């Protein structure tokens, strides 16, 4: 099998750090759900994709618990 050599520089943009973080977060959750299914746990689609609260909502919830 031959590889194709193209002279000159290719203009390939590297993904930003935010794009990388989003990609890995998505796949981390997917892998966790898959591992639970392999272990025999029954997982609904809603449990596989949790919607986490915003930082502000989480801080408000903690403040109400501490009082």
C-alpha atoms as a PDB file:
ATOM      1  CA  UNK A   1       0.000   0.000   0.000  1.00  0.00           C
ATOM      2  CA  UNK A   2       1.456   3.349  -1.027  1.00  0.00           C
ATOM      3  CA  UNK A   3       0.959   6.604   0.744  1.00  0.00           C
ATOM      4  CA  UNK A   4       0.260   9.736  -1.210  1.00  0.00           C
ATOM      5  CA  UNK A   5       2.723  12.549  -0.694  1.00  0.00           C
ATOM      6  CA  UNK A   6       1.494  16.053  -1.364  1.00  0.00           C
ATOM      7  CA  UNK A   7       4.267  18.637  -1.515  1.00  0.00           C
ATOM      8  CA  UNK A   8       3.773  21.875   0.371  1.00  0.00           C
ATOM      9  CA  UNK A   9       2.060  22.565   3.635  1.00  0.00           C
ATOM     10  CA  UNK A  10      -1.494  21.521   4.272  1.00  0.00           C
ATOM     11  CA  UNK A  11      -3.731  24.042   5.984  1.00  0.00           C
ATOM     12  CA  UNK A  12      -5.322  21.855   8.634  1.00  0.00           C
ATOM     13  CA  UNK A  13      -6.776  23.616  11.642  1.00  0.00           C
ATOM     14  CA  UNK A  14      -6.366  21.990  15.019  1.00  0.00           C
ATOM     15  CA  UNK A  15      -9.543  21.722  17.104  1.00  0.00           C
ATOM     16  CA  UNK A  16      -9.778  24.174  19.975  1.00  0.00           C
ATOM     17  CA  UNK A  17      -9.536  23.108  23.587  1.00  0.00           C
ATOM     18  CA  UNK A  18     -13.268  23.694  24.106  1.00  0.00           C
ATOM     19  CA  UNK A  19     -14.126  21.408  21.179  1.00  0.00           C
ATOM     20  CA  UNK A  20     -11.843  18.721  22.599  1.00  0.00           C
ATOM     21  CA  UNK A  21     -13.412  19.012  26.063  1.00  0.00           C
ATOM     22  CA  UNK A  22     -16.925  18.741  24.644  1.00  0.00           C
ATOM     23  CA  UNK A  23     -15.965  15.702  22.553  1.00  0.00           C
ATOM     24  CA  UNK A  24     -14.446  13.835  25.493  1.00  0.00           C
ATOM     25  CA  UNK A  25     -17.285  14.732  27.861  1.00  0.00           C
ATOM     26  CA  UNK A  26     -19.808  13.352  25.376  1.00  0.00           C
ATOM     27  CA  UNK A  27     -17.892  10.134  24.861  1.00  0.00           C
ATOM     28  CA  UNK A  28     -17.110   9.709  28.554  1.00  0.00           C
ATOM     29  CA  UNK A  29     -20.845   9.654  29.327  1.00  0.00           C
ATOM     30  CA  UNK A  30     -21.510   7.306  26.417  1.00  0.00           C
ATOM     31  CA  UNK A  31     -18.783   4.922  27.573  1.00  0.00           C
ATOM     32  CA  UNK A  32     -20.068   4.972  31.154  1.00  0.00           C
ATOM     33  CA  UNK A  33     -23.597   4.120  29.997  1.00  0.00           C
ATOM     34  CA  UNK A  34     -22.263   1.329  27.803  1.00  0.00           C
ATOM     35  CA  UNK A  35     -20.229  -0.147  30.652  1.00  0.00           C
ATOM     36  CA  UNK A  36     -23.297  -0.171  32.904  1.00  0.00           C
ATOM     37  CA  UNK A  37     -25.295  -1.974  30.203  1.00  0.00           C
ATOM     38  CA  UNK A  38     -22.496  -4.540  29.841  1.00  0.00           C
ATOM     39  CA  UNK A  39     -22.619  -5.180  33.589  1.00  0.00           C
ATOM     40  CA  UNK A  40     -26.322  -5.937  33.332  1.00  0.00           C
ATOM     41  CA  UNK A  41     -27.888  -2.711  34.578  1.00  0.00           C
ATOM     42  CA  UNK A  42     -31.045  -1.535  32.872  1.00  0.00           C
ATOM     43  CA  UNK A  43     -30.557   2.062  31.767  1.00  0.00           C
ATOM     44  CA  UNK A  44     -33.226   4.259  30.269  1.00  0.00           C
ATOM     45  CA  UNK A  45     -32.252   6.898  27.680  1.00  0.00           C
ATOM     46  CA  UNK A  46     -33.031   9.636  30.216  1.00  0.00           C
ATOM     47  CA  UNK A  47     -30.498   8.196  32.669  1.00  0.00           C
ATOM     48  CA  UNK A  48     -27.861   7.899  29.992  1.00  0.00           C
ATOM     49  CA  UNK A  49     -27.951  11.632  29.244  1.00  0.00           C
ATOM     50  CA  UNK A  50     -28.137  13.570  32.505  1.00  0.00           C
ATOM     51  CA  UNK A  51     -28.936  17.255  32.364  1.00  0.00           C
ATOM     52  CA  UNK A  52     -26.766  18.861  34.968  1.00  0.00           C
ATOM     53  CA  UNK A  53     -27.821  22.134  36.593  1.00  0.00           C
ATOM     54  CA  UNK A  54     -26.013  25.331  35.829  1.00  0.00           C
ATOM     55  CA  UNK A  55     -23.367  26.521  38.244  1.00  0.00           C
ATOM     56  CA  UNK A  56     -25.702  29.228  39.539  1.00  0.00           C
ATOM     57  CA  UNK A  57     -28.535  26.747  40.188  1.00  0.00           C
ATOM     58  CA  UNK A  58     -26.176  24.340  41.956  1.00  0.00           C
ATOM     59  CA  UNK A  59     -24.847  27.112  44.223  1.00  0.00           C
ATOM     60  CA  UNK A  60     -28.401  28.200  45.081  1.00  0.00           C
ATOM     61  CA  UNK A  61     -29.340  24.619  45.980  1.00  0.00           C
ATOM     62  CA  UNK A  62     -26.300  24.295  48.259  1.00  0.00           C
ATOM     63  CA  UNK A  63     -27.083  27.597  49.966  1.00  0.00           C
ATOM     64  CA  UNK A  64     -30.620  26.429  50.741  1.00  0.00           C
ATOM     65  CA  UNK A  65     -29.336  23.152  52.199  1.00  0.00           C
ATOM     66  CA  UNK A  66     -26.730  24.860  54.420  1.00  0.00           C
ATOM     67  CA  UNK A  67     -29.255  27.270  55.976  1.00  0.00           C
END
